[in-house]
């Protein structure tokens, strides 16, 4: 296949802004920089990369100029489907060739996690802004290094933790911050399904990052200690866990347990936080994804009698979370401001937590400090 021209979107993150700080998803005020689209190159068009491709092709604030992927067959299919050549978008199997295109201002990386570090580093060194799929890297040291490099280069580094842009997660954070649940006591989550089974990371690294990010956002904190246990059935030679039970303990004593499995036909995407005055449930599979359950136990004749209140389905904005990610990234680039939702430093914190969970998993579930 002949090479086509391509572009990628990159977002610069601010390592010193809290990833838990609330921020509006509304467009920023106009400025000279906002008058033209950001020229973007996309690395990786697998399952998730294809969704990013669609979003950046359709986004009025982006000009996709390059697409890179090692699969010629995949590139050919997408080139026909989206008429990439007719739009003069460069298509190539070599991401380094794509990165050399002079017009590229931002790079979007949706490749396997093991490839993130060299790609992100190369993009930042060329002065490109970067939007990277989660996890940032597989090493906290590498993640920290990339965050520092982004600051030195004055480039935006944004991580695609899509759930942080989900209307239910954002509304849930607001509800908890208002004190609706009272004193927060504990949390639990389940993320299970039949696949997809990864060959580069285990179920912990592939799945847990979503729920950890949500718990951290809702609690406005990060865990101080973690534990993990699990089982391996499908890829015993590589030791990649198919089932993981993870436990997070926060400084205030709040504990959260997470059930993760990619070999379970019972598909679940459910997370709950329990407080003294109610429980908030985010169930992605439900018709009403965010529900507030309230009630209490009243002492009566030496017993505790449950007293329930009607459950409330909380209203949510109608917005595609990934579209919100892309808009946020482009906004960060156009207005040269760090992300207040999912900066590189937030991604580095999550990598640190996952690394601690891995150490616990490898040592039969012993508690590990983060």
Protein backbone atom coordinates (compact mmCIF):
# COMPACT_ATOMS: atom_id res chain seq x y z
CA UNK A 1 0.00 0.00 0.00
CA UNK A 2 1.25 3.47 -0.78
CA UNK A 3 1.73 5.81 2.11
CA UNK A 4 -0.92 8.41 2.81
CA UNK A 5 -0.71 11.56 4.86
CA UNK A 6 -2.05 11.47 8.39
CA UNK A 7 -2.45 13.49 11.61
CA UNK A 8 -2.89 12.77 15.27
CA UNK A 9 -4.38 14.63 18.22
CA UNK A 10 -2.30 15.06 21.34
CA UNK A 11 -3.27 16.64 24.59
CA UNK A 12 -0.91 18.19 27.10
CA UNK A 13 -1.49 17.41 30.74
CA UNK A 14 -0.55 19.30 33.85
CA UNK A 15 1.12 17.05 36.39
CA UNK A 16 0.47 19.42 39.22
CA UNK A 17 -3.30 19.71 38.81
CA UNK A 18 -5.33 17.22 40.78
CA UNK A 19 -6.94 14.60 38.59
CA UNK A 20 -9.86 14.70 40.96
CA UNK A 21 -10.56 18.42 40.56
CA UNK A 22 -13.96 19.08 38.98
CA UNK A 23 -13.92 20.81 35.63
CA UNK A 24 -16.51 21.73 33.05
CA UNK A 25 -16.65 19.84 29.77
CA UNK A 26 -18.06 22.90 28.02
CA UNK A 27 -15.91 24.48 25.29
CA UNK A 28 -13.50 27.16 26.41
CA UNK A 29 -13.86 30.78 25.36
CA UNK A 30 -12.68 31.40 21.83
CA UNK A 31 -9.15 32.56 21.09
CA UNK A 32 -6.85 32.86 18.12
CA UNK A 33 -5.67 29.28 18.61
CA UNK A 34 -9.21 27.94 18.48
CA UNK A 35 -9.88 29.25 14.98
CA UNK A 36 -8.22 26.34 13.20
CA UNK A 37 -8.38 22.58 13.78
CA UNK A 38 -5.56 20.71 15.52
CA UNK A 39 -3.55 18.55 13.09
CA UNK A 40 -3.59 15.03 14.48
CA UNK A 41 -1.86 11.70 13.83
CA UNK A 42 -3.39 8.45 15.10
CA UNK A 43 -1.22 5.45 16.05
CA UNK A 44 -3.18 2.21 16.26
CA UNK A 45 -6.58 1.43 14.74
CA UNK A 46 -7.59 -1.75 16.52
CA UNK A 47 -10.91 -2.08 18.34
CA UNK A 48 -10.55 1.12 20.38
CA UNK A 49 -8.44 2.98 17.85
CA UNK A 50 -11.23 2.64 15.29
CA UNK A 51 -13.58 4.50 17.65
CA UNK A 52 -10.96 7.23 18.02
CA UNK A 53 -10.57 7.37 14.24
CA UNK A 54 -14.29 7.99 13.81
CA UNK A 55 -14.34 10.68 16.48
CA UNK A 56 -11.38 12.63 15.15
CA UNK A 57 -12.58 12.39 11.54
CA UNK A 58 -15.92 13.88 12.55
CA UNK A 59 -14.66 16.45 15.05
CA UNK A 60 -14.76 20.06 13.81
CA UNK A 61 -11.72 20.99 15.91
CA UNK A 62 -9.49 18.25 14.51
CA UNK A 63 -7.82 17.65 11.16
CA UNK A 64 -6.69 14.04 10.94
CA UNK A 65 -3.63 13.95 8.69
CA UNK A 66 -2.10 10.51 9.39
CA UNK A 67 -3.05 7.00 10.51
CA UNK A 68 -0.46 4.35 11.39
CA UNK A 69 -0.99 0.67 12.17
CA UNK A 70 1.19 -2.43 11.57
CA UNK A 71 -1.69 -4.29 9.90
CA UNK A 72 -1.89 -3.61 6.16
CA UNK A 73 -5.21 -5.44 5.99
CA UNK A 74 -6.71 -3.28 8.72
CA UNK A 75 -5.43 -0.10 7.10
CA UNK A 76 -6.86 -1.11 3.72
CA UNK A 77 -10.25 -1.84 5.26
CA UNK A 78 -10.45 1.45 7.13
CA UNK A 79 -9.05 3.43 4.19
CA UNK A 80 -11.95 2.16 2.08
CA UNK A 81 -14.56 2.54 4.81
CA UNK A 82 -13.63 6.12 5.70
CA UNK A 83 -12.21 7.18 2.32
CA UNK A 84 -8.92 8.17 3.92
CA UNK A 85 -6.96 8.51 0.68
CA UNK A 86 -9.64 10.72 -0.85
CA UNK A 87 -9.21 13.00 2.18
CA UNK A 88 -5.44 13.05 1.60
CA UNK A 89 -4.79 11.37 4.95
CA UNK A 90 -1.46 9.58 5.10
CA UNK A 91 -1.79 5.86 5.86
CA UNK A 92 1.32 3.92 6.87
CA UNK A 93 2.44 0.81 8.74
CA UNK A 94 5.32 2.76 10.34
CA UNK A 95 4.39 5.11 13.18
CA UNK A 96 7.86 6.68 13.13
CA UNK A 97 7.36 7.69 9.51
CA UNK A 98 4.04 9.24 10.44
CA UNK A 99 5.61 11.14 13.31
CA UNK A 100 8.07 12.78 10.93
CA UNK A 101 5.30 14.54 9.02
CA UNK A 102 6.03 18.24 9.62
CA UNK A 103 2.40 19.28 10.10
CA UNK A 104 1.63 16.89 12.97
CA UNK A 105 0.80 18.83 16.13
CA UNK A 106 -0.79 16.12 18.26
CA UNK A 107 -0.53 12.36 18.46
CA UNK A 108 -3.22 9.94 19.60
CA UNK A 109 -1.87 6.58 20.73
CA UNK A 110 -4.16 3.54 20.84
CA UNK A 111 -1.60 0.74 20.63
CA UNK A 112 -0.78 -2.09 23.10
CA UNK A 113 0.38 -0.79 26.47
CA UNK A 114 3.88 -2.21 26.07
CA UNK A 115 4.47 0.14 23.11
CA UNK A 116 3.31 3.33 24.81
CA UNK A 117 6.58 4.48 26.36
CA UNK A 118 8.71 4.75 23.18
CA UNK A 119 5.85 6.23 21.16
CA UNK A 120 4.87 8.84 23.73
CA UNK A 121 8.48 9.77 24.39
CA UNK A 122 9.21 10.20 20.68
CA UNK A 123 6.10 12.34 20.20
CA UNK A 124 6.88 14.58 23.17
CA UNK A 125 10.49 15.01 22.06
CA UNK A 126 9.18 16.32 18.73
CA UNK A 127 7.04 18.82 20.59
CA UNK A 128 3.75 17.05 19.92
CA UNK A 129 0.85 16.94 22.33
CA UNK A 130 -0.26 13.40 23.23
CA UNK A 131 -3.51 11.64 23.99
CA UNK A 132 -2.70 8.07 25.07
CA UNK A 133 -4.93 5.09 25.72
CA UNK A 134 -4.80 3.65 29.24
CA UNK A 135 -2.63 2.54 30.93
CA UNK A 136 -0.07 5.28 30.41
CA UNK A 137 2.73 2.68 30.52
CA UNK A 138 3.40 -0.59 32.35
CA UNK A 139 5.98 1.04 34.65
CA UNK A 140 5.52 3.82 37.18
CA UNK A 141 9.10 4.98 36.59
CA UNK A 142 8.46 5.32 32.85
CA UNK A 143 5.12 7.04 33.47
CA UNK A 144 6.73 9.56 35.82
CA UNK A 145 9.48 10.22 33.30
CA UNK A 146 6.97 10.93 30.54
CA UNK A 147 5.02 13.34 32.74
CA UNK A 148 8.20 15.25 33.52
CA UNK A 149 9.16 15.29 29.84
CA UNK A 150 5.75 16.67 28.88
CA UNK A 151 6.25 19.54 31.31
CA UNK A 152 9.75 20.22 30.04
CA UNK A 153 8.51 20.25 26.44
CA UNK A 154 5.47 22.33 27.40
CA UNK A 155 3.29 19.71 25.75
CA UNK A 156 -0.08 18.46 26.88
CA UNK A 157 -0.19 14.81 27.96
CA UNK A 158 -3.72 13.46 28.42
CA UNK A 159 -4.71 9.89 29.20
CA UNK A 160 -7.90 8.38 27.80
CA UNK A 161 -9.53 7.25 31.04
CA UNK A 162 -12.90 7.32 29.32
CA UNK A 163 -15.01 6.64 32.40
CA UNK A 164 -13.87 9.89 33.99
CA UNK A 165 -15.80 11.60 31.18
CA UNK A 166 -18.91 9.44 31.54
CA UNK A 167 -21.96 11.50 32.60
CA UNK A 168 -22.83 8.97 35.32
CA UNK A 169 -19.35 9.10 36.84
CA UNK A 170 -19.30 12.89 36.81
CA UNK A 171 -22.79 13.12 38.31
CA UNK A 172 -21.85 10.49 40.89
CA UNK A 173 -18.88 12.56 41.98
CA UNK A 174 -21.09 15.63 42.36
CA UNK A 175 -23.67 13.68 44.36
CA UNK A 176 -21.06 12.33 46.77
CA UNK A 177 -19.39 15.71 47.19
CA UNK A 178 -22.75 17.18 48.22
CA UNK A 179 -22.77 14.76 51.16
CA UNK A 180 -25.86 12.92 49.96
CA UNK A 181 -24.51 9.54 51.08
CA UNK A 182 -23.42 10.76 54.49
CA UNK A 183 -20.26 9.17 55.88
CA UNK A 184 -18.70 6.97 53.18
CA UNK A 185 -18.21 3.41 54.44
CA UNK A 186 -17.15 1.02 51.67
CA UNK A 187 -17.41 0.26 47.97
CA UNK A 188 -17.59 -2.71 45.62
CA UNK A 189 -17.42 -3.26 41.87
CA UNK A 190 -17.68 -6.04 39.30
CA UNK A 191 -16.29 -5.96 35.76
CA UNK A 192 -16.75 -9.31 34.02
CA UNK A 193 -17.43 -10.64 30.52
CA UNK A 194 -16.31 -13.23 27.95
CA UNK A 195 -13.29 -11.41 26.56
CA UNK A 196 -11.66 -9.70 25.00
CA UNK A 197 -8.67 -11.66 26.31
CA UNK A 198 -5.43 -9.71 26.07
CA UNK A 199 -2.01 -11.22 25.44
CA UNK A 200 0.05 -8.24 26.59
CA UNK A 201 -1.49 -7.61 30.03
CA UNK A 202 -3.62 -9.58 32.50
CA UNK A 203 -7.20 -8.93 33.60
CA UNK A 204 -5.92 -6.72 36.41
CA UNK A 205 -4.13 -4.27 34.12
CA UNK A 206 -6.82 -4.41 31.45
CA UNK A 207 -9.93 -4.03 33.61
CA UNK A 208 -9.17 -2.74 37.11
CA UNK A 209 -7.94 0.65 35.99
CA UNK A 210 -11.52 1.72 35.15
CA UNK A 211 -12.96 1.04 38.59
CA UNK A 212 -9.92 2.33 40.46
CA UNK A 213 -10.15 5.58 38.51
CA UNK A 214 -13.85 5.91 39.42
CA UNK A 215 -13.31 5.15 43.11
CA UNK A 216 -10.43 7.64 43.25
CA UNK A 217 -12.55 10.29 41.56
CA UNK A 218 -15.58 9.78 43.79
CA UNK A 219 -13.46 9.70 46.96
CA UNK A 220 -11.13 12.47 45.78
CA UNK A 221 -8.25 10.34 47.05
CA UNK A 222 -5.93 7.46 46.19
CA UNK A 223 -5.49 4.20 48.12
CA UNK A 224 -2.62 3.81 50.57
CA UNK A 225 -2.67 0.00 50.60
CA UNK A 226 -3.84 -2.70 48.19
CA UNK A 227 -4.26 -6.47 48.01
CA UNK A 228 -4.96 -8.84 45.12
CA UNK A 229 -5.53 -12.54 44.53
CA UNK A 230 -6.62 -14.39 41.43
CA UNK A 231 -6.44 -17.35 39.08
CA UNK A 232 -5.02 -18.18 35.66
CA UNK A 233 -6.72 -20.63 33.31
CA UNK A 234 -6.37 -19.57 29.68
CA UNK A 235 -2.73 -18.50 29.34
CA UNK A 236 -0.95 -20.42 32.06
CA UNK A 237 2.38 -20.33 30.22
CA UNK A 238 2.46 -16.55 30.34
CA UNK A 239 0.94 -16.35 33.81
CA UNK A 240 -1.63 -13.73 32.82
CA UNK A 241 -4.41 -13.77 35.41
CA UNK A 242 -7.93 -14.29 34.07
CA UNK A 243 -9.60 -13.65 37.43
CA UNK A 244 -8.59 -11.05 40.01
CA UNK A 245 -10.07 -9.99 43.33
CA UNK A 246 -8.64 -6.59 44.24
CA UNK A 247 -8.95 -4.66 47.48
CA UNK A 248 -8.21 -0.96 47.93
CA UNK A 249 -7.78 0.71 51.32
CA UNK A 250 -7.82 4.50 51.61
CA UNK A 251 -6.30 6.68 54.33
CA UNK A 252 -9.69 7.37 55.94
CA UNK A 253 -10.39 3.64 56.34
CA UNK A 254 -12.70 3.33 53.31
CA UNK A 255 -12.27 -0.03 51.59
CA UNK A 256 -13.30 -1.08 48.09
CA UNK A 257 -13.34 -4.57 46.58
CA UNK A 258 -13.27 -5.22 42.83
CA UNK A 259 -14.15 -8.46 40.99
CA UNK A 260 -12.43 -8.71 37.59
CA UNK A 261 -12.71 -11.52 35.05
CA UNK A 262 -12.60 -11.76 31.26
CA UNK A 263 -13.74 -15.43 31.24
CA UNK A 264 -17.24 -15.01 32.64
CA UNK A 265 -20.39 -14.95 30.43
CA UNK A 266 -22.20 -12.93 33.11
CA UNK A 267 -21.36 -9.46 31.82
CA UNK A 268 -21.22 -6.93 34.63
CA UNK A 269 -20.21 -3.29 34.68
CA UNK A 270 -21.33 -2.23 38.14
CA UNK A 271 -19.81 -0.08 40.89
CA UNK A 272 -21.32 1.01 44.20
CA UNK A 273 -20.34 3.28 47.07
CA UNK A 274 -22.12 2.79 50.39
CA UNK A 275 -22.55 5.56 52.94
CA UNK A 276 -24.34 6.03 56.24
CA UNK A 277 -27.33 7.60 54.47
CA UNK A 278 -27.50 5.72 51.19
CA UNK A 279 -25.83 3.83 48.36
CA UNK A 280 -24.92 5.15 44.93
CA UNK A 281 -24.93 2.55 42.15
CA UNK A 282 -23.38 3.01 38.70
CA UNK A 283 -24.57 0.14 36.52
CA UNK A 284 -23.53 0.63 32.91
CA UNK A 285 -25.78 -2.23 31.79
CA UNK A 286 -28.94 -0.78 33.34
CA UNK A 287 -31.55 1.36 31.59
CA UNK A 288 -30.90 4.01 34.25
CA UNK A 289 -27.12 3.86 34.84
CA UNK A 290 -26.92 5.93 38.04
CA UNK A 291 -29.24 5.15 40.93
CA UNK A 292 -29.44 6.53 44.46
CA UNK A 293 -30.75 4.08 47.06
CA UNK A 294 -31.59 5.48 50.48
CA UNK A 295 -32.86 3.98 53.71
CA UNK A 296 -31.87 3.27 57.26
CA UNK A 297 -32.12 0.72 60.06
CA UNK A 298 -34.25 1.94 62.96
CA UNK A 299 -33.85 0.33 66.42
CA UNK A 300 -37.12 -1.15 67.68
CA UNK A 301 -37.65 -3.53 70.59
CA UNK A 302 -34.05 -4.67 70.55
CA UNK A 303 -34.04 -5.20 66.79
CA UNK A 304 -33.19 -3.13 63.73
CA UNK A 305 -36.07 -2.53 61.35
CA UNK A 306 -35.30 -1.48 57.76
CA UNK A 307 -36.94 1.70 56.56
CA UNK A 308 -36.61 2.18 52.80
CA UNK A 309 -37.05 5.29 50.72
CA UNK A 310 -37.97 5.30 47.02
CA UNK A 311 -34.92 4.84 44.82
CA UNK A 312 -33.97 7.68 42.50
CA UNK A 313 -32.66 7.39 38.95
CA UNK A 314 -30.39 10.42 38.72
CA UNK A 315 -30.67 12.46 35.50
CA UNK A 316 -27.63 12.42 33.21
CA UNK A 317 -26.36 14.42 30.26
CA UNK A 318 -26.64 12.76 26.87
CA UNK A 319 -23.06 12.63 25.61
CA UNK A 320 -20.71 9.98 24.22
CA UNK A 321 -17.86 9.70 26.77
CA UNK A 322 -15.20 9.13 24.11
CA UNK A 323 -16.36 12.18 22.18
CA UNK A 324 -16.00 14.14 25.42
CA UNK A 325 -12.44 12.79 25.77
CA UNK A 326 -11.53 13.93 22.25
CA UNK A 327 -13.12 17.35 22.73
CA UNK A 328 -11.32 17.81 26.05
CA UNK A 329 -7.98 16.86 24.54
CA UNK A 330 -8.39 19.24 21.61
CA UNK A 331 -9.46 21.97 23.99
CA UNK A 332 -6.32 21.43 26.09
CA UNK A 333 -4.17 21.70 22.95
CA UNK A 334 -5.91 24.68 21.39
CA UNK A 335 -5.90 26.72 24.57
CA UNK A 336 -2.56 25.41 25.84
CA UNK A 337 -3.85 24.37 29.24
CA UNK A 338 -3.28 21.17 31.22
CA UNK A 339 -6.06 18.66 31.70
CA UNK A 340 -7.95 18.96 34.96
CA UNK A 341 -9.72 15.64 34.42
CA UNK A 342 -7.21 13.05 33.19
CA UNK A 343 -3.64 14.42 33.02
CA UNK A 344 -0.54 12.31 32.70
CA UNK A 345 0.11 12.50 36.42
CA UNK A 346 -3.27 10.91 37.13
CA UNK A 347 -2.35 8.15 34.73
CA UNK A 348 0.98 7.71 36.53
CA UNK A 349 -0.83 7.39 39.88
CA UNK A 350 -3.02 4.63 38.46
CA UNK A 351 0.02 2.79 37.09
CA UNK A 352 1.59 2.97 40.55
CA UNK A 353 -1.54 1.46 42.10
CA UNK A 354 -1.68 -1.33 39.50
CA UNK A 355 2.00 -2.11 40.06
CA UNK A 356 1.35 -2.46 43.80
CA UNK A 357 -1.62 -4.76 43.10
CA UNK A 358 0.59 -6.87 40.84
CA UNK A 359 3.15 -7.28 43.63
CA UNK A 360 0.38 -8.44 45.95
CA UNK A 361 -1.01 -10.82 43.30
CA UNK A 362 2.43 -12.35 42.81
CA UNK A 363 2.83 -12.84 46.56
CA UNK A 364 -0.46 -14.61 47.32
CA UNK A 365 -2.38 -11.51 48.29
CA UNK A 366 -0.19 -9.89 50.91
CA UNK A 367 -0.98 -6.23 51.67
CA UNK A 368 1.23 -3.84 49.70
CA UNK A 369 1.65 -0.13 50.41
CA UNK A 370 1.16 2.22 47.47
